[in-house]
Amino acid sequence: RRSSDLLNASIDHHVRAGPLHIYGEWAIDHSRQWALTEGLMCSPGPRLDIVVQARSFSRGYACLHGSPFAESVKAQNEVGVYLGMVWRISSTLNASGHVDRYRYSWLRYGVDGPSDGFDALFRLDWRPTKTTLCYGQASWEDRPRDFPGTDPYLPGPASEGRFRARSHLEHAPSRFILLRLRAEYDRYQARRVEQGFLGYADLTSKSPS
């Protein structure tokens, strides 16, 4: 007979030491499956913030209301490391970005074996005035996925890649008018390459109250 009981226990910690902030949580369930996460936030200078966070979830860990910092919805079958940063270059220029590398040690939905993935994002914001914002953004994704017919004998996971680039400008010449301009490029690569471009201009106005 399968048990209908579920037991979870966890401990979390937060430690501050000058510019360092160390935090994390360790959890275990009734079948001794675990979920661990550890993070470090630091500010090496007044204009730079860095965060590093590692995670390790066993494939059989079970909980009712888990909300993991992970690629998966559930805190299961994943090991990964995340690195993020914000650099306030000047009063008008900011750079931010992150890199996340992860691995699934067991099969999962849509992937019939161990696999790994990667995603990264970089963004540069320029705000010369309070009414003008311009930013450029690029992101990369590489996710595992099974493609039927790739190999009838050894199907296995294959790579599904995506690259996106965006430039955006918005300006408010008055309190009642807002202009937005955007151009975007999207490239998807799996069994074949697909790509597309997007551009739009948007003018919004509101009547004085």
C-alpha atoms as a PDB file:
ATOM      1  CA  ARG A   1       0.000   0.000   0.000  1.00  0.00           C
ATOM      2  CA  ARG A   2       1.334   3.428  -0.945  1.00  0.00           C
ATOM      3  CA  SER A   3       1.556   5.921   1.909  1.00  0.00           C
ATOM      4  CA  SER A   4      -0.552   9.078   1.770  1.00  0.00           C
ATOM      5  CA  ASP A   5       1.565  10.886   4.372  1.00  0.00           C
ATOM      6  CA  LEU A   6       3.989  13.699   3.583  1.00  0.00           C
ATOM      7  CA  LEU A   7       6.506  15.209   5.967  1.00  0.00           C
ATOM      8  CA  ASN A   8       8.839  18.112   5.299  1.00  0.00           C
ATOM      9  CA  ALA A   9      11.474  19.723   7.481  1.00  0.00           C
ATOM     10  CA  SER A  10      13.728  22.641   6.604  1.00  0.00           C
ATOM     11  CA  ILE A  11      16.099  25.182   8.071  1.00  0.00           C
ATOM     12  CA  ASP A  12      17.032  28.550   6.610  1.00  0.00           C
ATOM     13  CA  HIS A  13      19.731  31.023   7.508  1.00  0.00           C
ATOM     14  CA  HIS A  14      20.754  34.620   6.849  1.00  0.00           C
ATOM     15  CA  VAL A  15      24.174  36.011   7.756  1.00  0.00           C
ATOM     16  CA  ARG A  16      25.369  39.570   7.162  1.00  0.00           C
ATOM     17  CA  ALA A  17      29.017  40.555   7.382  1.00  0.00           C
ATOM     18  CA  GLY A  18      29.810  44.001   6.044  1.00  0.00           C
ATOM     19  CA  PRO A  19      29.005  44.070   2.303  1.00  0.00           C
ATOM     20  CA  LEU A  20      28.292  40.319   2.272  1.00  0.00           C
ATOM     21  CA  HIS A  21      24.896  38.669   2.711  1.00  0.00           C
ATOM     22  CA  ILE A  22      24.881  34.863   2.881  1.00  0.00           C
ATOM     23  CA  TYR A  23      21.563  33.048   2.829  1.00  0.00           C
ATOM     24  CA  GLY A  24      20.097  29.648   2.084  1.00  0.00           C
ATOM     25  CA  GLU A  25      17.698  26.864   2.946  1.00  0.00           C
ATOM     26  CA  TRP A  26      18.112  23.117   3.439  1.00  0.00           C
ATOM     27  CA  ALA A  27      15.031  20.883   3.255  1.00  0.00           C
ATOM     28  CA  ILE A  28      14.319  17.157   3.499  1.00  0.00           C
ATOM     29  CA  ASP A  29      11.152  15.101   3.100  1.00  0.00           C
ATOM     30  CA  HIS A  30       9.860  11.862   4.619  1.00  0.00           C
ATOM     31  CA  SER A  31      11.775   9.692   2.118  1.00  0.00           C
ATOM     32  CA  ARG A  32      15.090  11.495   2.806  1.00  0.00           C
ATOM     33  CA  GLN A  33      15.076  13.347  -0.484  1.00  0.00           C
ATOM     34  CA  TRP A  34      16.556  16.829  -0.261  1.00  0.00           C
ATOM     35  CA  ALA A  35      16.368  20.338  -1.662  1.00  0.00           C
ATOM     36  CA  LEU A  36      19.260  22.721  -0.998  1.00  0.00           C
ATOM     37  CA  THR A  37      19.921  26.310  -2.023  1.00  0.00           C
ATOM     38  CA  GLU A  38      22.746  28.642  -1.006  1.00  0.00           C
ATOM     39  CA  GLY A  39      23.311  32.223  -2.082  1.00  0.00           C
ATOM     40  CA  LEU A  40      25.735  35.085  -1.689  1.00  0.00           C
ATOM     41  CA  MET A  41      24.986  38.761  -2.311  1.00  0.00           C
ATOM     42  CA  CYS A  42      27.750  41.348  -2.161  1.00  0.00           C
ATOM     43  CA  SER A  43      28.467  44.947  -3.103  1.00  0.00           C
ATOM     44  CA  PRO A  44      32.196  45.283  -3.907  1.00  0.00           C
ATOM     45  CA  GLY A  45      31.651  48.980  -4.513  1.00  0.00           C
ATOM     46  CA  PRO A  46      28.931  51.611  -4.233  1.00  0.00           C
ATOM     47  CA  ARG A  47      27.963  51.105  -7.895  1.00  0.00           C
ATOM     48  CA  LEU A  48      28.163  47.314  -8.226  1.00  0.00           C
ATOM     49  CA  ASP A  49      25.932  44.532  -6.836  1.00  0.00           C
ATOM     50  CA  ILE A  50      26.614  40.816  -7.433  1.00  0.00           C
ATOM     51  CA  VAL A  51      24.616  37.721  -6.534  1.00  0.00           C
ATOM     52  CA  VAL A  52      25.648  34.061  -6.811  1.00  0.00           C
ATOM     53  CA  GLN A  53      23.162  31.294  -6.015  1.00  0.00           C
ATOM     54  CA  ALA A  54      23.544  27.518  -6.211  1.00  0.00           C
ATOM     55  CA  ARG A  55      20.796  24.905  -5.996  1.00  0.00           C
ATOM     56  CA  SER A  56      20.574  21.133  -5.755  1.00  0.00           C
ATOM     57  CA  PHE A  57      17.248  19.261  -5.786  1.00  0.00           C
ATOM     58  CA  SER A  58      17.086  15.469  -5.690  1.00  0.00           C
ATOM     59  CA  ARG A  59      14.796  13.825  -8.245  1.00  0.00           C
ATOM     60  CA  GLY A  60      12.369  12.440  -5.645  1.00  0.00           C
ATOM     61  CA  TYR A  61      11.933  15.460  -3.365  1.00  0.00           C
ATOM     62  CA  ALA A  62       8.250  16.219  -2.647  1.00  0.00           C
ATOM     63  CA  CYS A  63       6.534  19.245  -1.110  1.00  0.00           C
ATOM     64  CA  LEU A  64       3.076  20.765  -1.389  1.00  0.00           C
ATOM     65  CA  HIS A  65       3.734  24.467  -1.960  1.00  0.00           C
ATOM     66  CA  GLY A  66       7.302  24.723  -3.176  1.00  0.00           C
ATOM     67  CA  SER A  67       8.403  27.889  -4.980  1.00  0.00           C
ATOM     68  CA  PRO A  68      11.988  27.197  -6.030  1.00  0.00           C
ATOM     69  CA  PHE A  69      14.411  29.609  -7.645  1.00  0.00           C
ATOM     70  CA  ALA A  70      14.982  27.286 -10.598  1.00  0.00           C
ATOM     71  CA  GLU A  71      14.158  26.521 -14.211  1.00  0.00           C
ATOM     72  CA  SER A  72      11.702  23.810 -13.172  1.00  0.00           C
ATOM     73  CA  VAL A  73       8.346  24.544 -11.598  1.00  0.00           C
ATOM     74  CA  LYS A  74       8.964  21.875  -8.962  1.00  0.00           C
ATOM     75  CA  ALA A  75      12.014  21.598  -6.699  1.00  0.00           C
ATOM     76  CA  GLN A  76      13.042  18.279  -8.236  1.00  0.00           C
ATOM     77  CA  ASN A  77      15.782  16.795 -10.389  1.00  0.00           C
ATOM     78  CA  GLU A  78      17.879  19.935 -10.897  1.00  0.00           C
ATOM     79  CA  VAL A  79      21.353  21.238 -10.078  1.00  0.00           C
ATOM     80  CA  GLY A  80      22.376  24.718 -11.132  1.00  0.00           C
ATOM     81  CA  VAL A  81      24.330  27.906 -10.532  1.00  0.00           C
ATOM     82  CA  TYR A  82      23.030  31.438 -11.143  1.00  0.00           C
ATOM     83  CA  LEU A  83      25.174  34.571 -11.403  1.00  0.00           C
ATOM     84  CA  GLY A  84      23.658  38.061 -11.636  1.00  0.00           C
ATOM     85  CA  MET A  85      24.948  41.608 -11.446  1.00  0.00           C
ATOM     86  CA  VAL A  86      23.867  45.254 -11.592  1.00  0.00           C
ATOM     87  CA  TRP A  87      26.453  47.929 -12.449  1.00  0.00           C
ATOM     88  CA  ARG A  88      25.429  51.566 -12.038  1.00  0.00           C
ATOM     89  CA  ILE A  89      28.019  53.037 -14.371  1.00  0.00           C
ATOM     90  CA  SER A  90      26.832  56.618 -13.922  1.00  0.00           C
ATOM     91  CA  SER A  91      23.731  58.533 -12.900  1.00  0.00           C
ATOM     92  CA  THR A  92      22.270  57.954 -16.390  1.00  0.00           C
ATOM     93  CA  LEU A  93      23.772  54.603 -17.445  1.00  0.00           C
ATOM     94  CA  ASN A  94      23.120  51.148 -15.909  1.00  0.00           C
ATOM     95  CA  ALA A  95      24.232  47.668 -16.982  1.00  0.00           C
ATOM     96  CA  SER A  96      22.664  44.453 -15.704  1.00  0.00           C
ATOM     97  CA  GLY A  97      22.681  40.802 -16.588  1.00  0.00           C
ATOM     98  CA  HIS A  98      22.618  37.212 -15.468  1.00  0.00           C
ATOM     99  CA  VAL A  99      23.895  33.771 -16.435  1.00  0.00           C
ATOM    100  CA  ASP A 100      22.219  30.527 -15.336  1.00  0.00           C
ATOM    101  CA  ARG A 101      23.693  27.077 -15.923  1.00  0.00           C
ATOM    102  CA  TYR A 102      21.683  24.012 -14.891  1.00  0.00           C
ATOM    103  CA  ARG A 103      21.545  20.229 -15.263  1.00  0.00           C
ATOM    104  CA  TYR A 104      18.852  17.572 -14.949  1.00  0.00           C
ATOM    105  CA  SER A 105      20.388  14.305 -13.747  1.00  0.00           C
ATOM    106  CA  TRP A 106      17.260  12.284 -14.562  1.00  0.00           C
ATOM    107  CA  LEU A 107      14.671  12.227 -17.339  1.00  0.00           C
ATOM    108  CA  ARG A 108      11.802  14.694 -17.205  1.00  0.00           C
ATOM    109  CA  TYR A 109       8.717  15.634 -19.225  1.00  0.00           C
ATOM    110  CA  GLY A 110       9.708  16.044 -22.875  1.00  0.00           C
ATOM    111  CA  VAL A 111      13.311  14.915 -22.282  1.00  0.00           C
ATOM    112  CA  ASP A 112      14.115  11.192 -22.174  1.00  0.00           C
ATOM    113  CA  GLY A 113      17.489  11.331 -20.419  1.00  0.00           C
ATOM    114  CA  PRO A 114      19.962  13.434 -18.423  1.00  0.00           C
ATOM    115  CA  SER A 115      20.424  16.876 -19.934  1.00  0.00           C
ATOM    116  CA  ASP A 116      21.667  20.372 -19.271  1.00  0.00           C
ATOM    117  CA  GLY A 117      20.732  23.914 -20.246  1.00  0.00           C
ATOM    118  CA  PHE A 118      21.889  27.504 -20.213  1.00  0.00           C
ATOM    119  CA  ASP A 119      20.404  30.979 -20.387  1.00  0.00           C
ATOM    120  CA  ALA A 120      21.881  34.448 -20.185  1.00  0.00           C
ATOM    121  CA  LEU A 121      20.664  38.032 -20.472  1.00  0.00           C
ATOM    122  CA  PHE A 122      22.455  41.371 -20.755  1.00  0.00           C
ATOM    123  CA  ARG A 123      20.805  44.793 -20.688  1.00  0.00           C
ATOM    124  CA  LEU A 124      22.106  48.364 -20.946  1.00  0.00           C
ATOM    125  CA  ASP A 125      19.842  51.237 -19.834  1.00  0.00           C
ATOM    126  CA  TRP A 126      20.456  54.889 -20.649  1.00  0.00           C
ATOM    127  CA  ARG A 127      18.243  57.577 -19.136  1.00  0.00           C
ATOM    128  CA  PRO A 128      19.608  60.994 -20.158  1.00  0.00           C
ATOM    129  CA  THR A 129      16.574  62.809 -18.719  1.00  0.00           C
ATOM    130  CA  LYS A 130      13.602  61.937 -16.536  1.00  0.00           C
ATOM    131  CA  THR A 131      11.380  61.808 -19.610  1.00  0.00           C
ATOM    132  CA  THR A 132      13.615  59.708 -21.896  1.00  0.00           C
ATOM    133  CA  LEU A 133      14.644  56.055 -21.623  1.00  0.00           C
ATOM    134  CA  CYS A 134      16.665  54.012 -24.086  1.00  0.00           C
ATOM    135  CA  TYR A 135      17.810  50.432 -23.600  1.00  0.00           C
ATOM    136  CA  GLY A 136      19.345  47.566 -25.514  1.00  0.00           C
ATOM    137  CA  GLN A 137      18.895  43.951 -24.477  1.00  0.00           C
ATOM    138  CA  ALA A 138      20.181  40.580 -25.665  1.00  0.00           C
ATOM    139  CA  SER A 139      19.312  37.113 -24.349  1.00  0.00           C
ATOM    140  CA  TRP A 140      20.435  33.576 -25.137  1.00  0.00           C
ATOM    141  CA  GLU A 141      18.752  30.261 -24.260  1.00  0.00           C
ATOM    142  CA  ASP A 142      19.866  26.689 -24.802  1.00  0.00           C
ATOM    143  CA  ARG A 143      17.335  24.133 -23.526  1.00  0.00           C
ATOM    144  CA  PRO A 144      17.165  20.340 -23.786  1.00  0.00           C
ATOM    145  CA  ARG A 145      14.319  18.751 -25.742  1.00  0.00           C
ATOM    146  CA  ASP A 146      13.498  15.488 -27.488  1.00  0.00           C
ATOM    147  CA  PHE A 147      12.839  15.698 -31.222  1.00  0.00           C
ATOM    148  CA  PRO A 148      10.962  12.674 -32.635  1.00  0.00           C
ATOM    149  CA  GLY A 149      12.698  11.179 -35.623  1.00  0.00           C
ATOM    150  CA  THR A 150      16.149  12.576 -34.858  1.00  0.00           C
ATOM    151  CA  ASP A 151      17.419   9.039 -34.263  1.00  0.00           C
ATOM    152  CA  PRO A 152      14.937   6.103 -34.229  1.00  0.00           C
ATOM    153  CA  TYR A 153      17.311   3.970 -32.146  1.00  0.00           C
ATOM    154  CA  LEU A 154      18.786   6.541 -29.751  1.00  0.00           C
ATOM    155  CA  PRO A 155      16.331   9.459 -29.612  1.00  0.00           C
ATOM    156  CA  GLY A 156      17.899  11.204 -26.598  1.00  0.00           C
ATOM    157  CA  PRO A 157      17.704  14.937 -25.829  1.00  0.00           C
ATOM    158  CA  ALA A 158      18.911  17.538 -28.306  1.00  0.00           C
ATOM    159  CA  SER A 159      19.563  21.266 -28.024  1.00  0.00           C
ATOM    160  CA  GLU A 160      16.917  23.920 -28.613  1.00  0.00           C
ATOM    161  CA  GLY A 161      18.527  27.360 -28.914  1.00  0.00           C
ATOM    162  CA  ARG A 162      17.109  30.848 -29.033  1.00  0.00           C
ATOM    163  CA  PHE A 163      18.633  34.328 -29.381  1.00  0.00           C
ATOM    164  CA  ARG A 164      16.763  37.607 -28.941  1.00  0.00           C
ATOM    165  CA  ALA A 165      17.924  41.198 -29.364  1.00  0.00           C
ATOM    166  CA  ARG A 166      15.897  44.315 -28.637  1.00  0.00           C
ATOM    167  CA  SER A 167      16.349  48.067 -28.800  1.00  0.00           C
ATOM    168  CA  HIS A 168      13.775  50.325 -27.177  1.00  0.00           C
ATOM    169  CA  LEU A 169      13.252  54.078 -26.930  1.00  0.00           C
ATOM    170  CA  GLU A 170      10.541  55.940 -25.090  1.00  0.00           C
ATOM    171  CA  HIS A 171      10.136  59.676 -24.634  1.00  0.00           C
ATOM    172  CA  ALA A 172       7.498  61.813 -22.955  1.00  0.00           C
ATOM    173  CA  PRO A 173       7.579  65.313 -24.475  1.00  0.00           C
ATOM    174  CA  SER A 174       4.836  66.338 -22.041  1.00  0.00           C
ATOM    175  CA  ARG A 175       2.849  64.908 -19.160  1.00  0.00           C
ATOM    176  CA  PHE A 176       0.090  63.900 -21.577  1.00  0.00           C
ATOM    177  CA  ILE A 177       2.055  62.311 -24.450  1.00  0.00           C
ATOM    178  CA  LEU A 178       4.272  59.215 -24.507  1.00  0.00           C
ATOM    179  CA  LEU A 179       6.113  57.922 -27.580  1.00  0.00           C
ATOM    180  CA  ARG A 180       7.558  54.388 -27.761  1.00  0.00           C
ATOM    181  CA  LEU A 181       9.735  52.936 -30.520  1.00  0.00           C
ATOM    182  CA  ARG A 182      11.017  49.347 -30.577  1.00  0.00           C
ATOM    183  CA  ALA A 183      12.935  47.006 -32.893  1.00  0.00           C
ATOM    184  CA  GLU A 184      13.411  43.332 -32.110  1.00  0.00           C
ATOM    185  CA  TYR A 185      15.141  40.327 -33.667  1.00  0.00           C
ATOM    186  CA  ASP A 186      14.379  36.697 -32.746  1.00  0.00           C
ATOM    187  CA  ARG A 187      16.286  33.594 -33.909  1.00  0.00           C
ATOM    188  CA  TYR A 188      15.235  30.037 -33.041  1.00  0.00           C
ATOM    189  CA  GLN A 189      17.314  26.978 -33.839  1.00  0.00           C
ATOM    190  CA  ALA A 190      16.362  23.331 -33.309  1.00  0.00           C
ATOM    191  CA  ARG A 191      15.964  20.960 -36.240  1.00  0.00           C
ATOM    192  CA  ARG A 192      15.956  24.013 -38.499  1.00  0.00           C
ATOM    193  CA  VAL A 193      16.584  27.736 -38.124  1.00  0.00           C
ATOM    194  CA  GLU A 194      13.706  30.197 -37.919  1.00  0.00           C
ATOM    195  CA  GLN A 195      14.086  33.937 -37.494  1.00  0.00           C
ATOM    196  CA  GLY A 196      11.987  37.069 -37.527  1.00  0.00           C
ATOM    197  CA  PHE A 197      11.976  40.821 -37.051  1.00  0.00           C
ATOM    198  CA  LEU A 198       9.565  43.095 -35.248  1.00  0.00           C
ATOM    199  CA  GLY A 199       9.227  46.851 -35.189  1.00  0.00           C
ATOM    200  CA  TYR A 200       6.574  49.172 -33.876  1.00  0.00           C
ATOM    201  CA  ALA A 201       5.846  52.763 -32.951  1.00  0.00           C
ATOM    202  CA  ASP A 202       3.306  53.635 -30.284  1.00  0.00           C
ATOM    203  CA  LEU A 203       1.938  57.046 -29.408  1.00  0.00           C
ATOM    204  CA  THR A 204      -0.166  57.369 -26.247  1.00  0.00           C
ATOM    205  CA  SER A 205      -1.990  60.475 -25.128  1.00  0.00           C
ATOM    206  CA  LYS A 206      -4.290  61.267 -22.236  1.00  0.00           C
ATOM    207  CA  SER A 207      -6.444  64.260 -21.546  1.00  0.00           C
ATOM    208  CA  PRO A 208      -5.571  66.589 -18.686  1.00  0.00           C
ATOM    209  CA  SER A 209      -7.483  65.691 -15.545  1.00  0.00           C
END
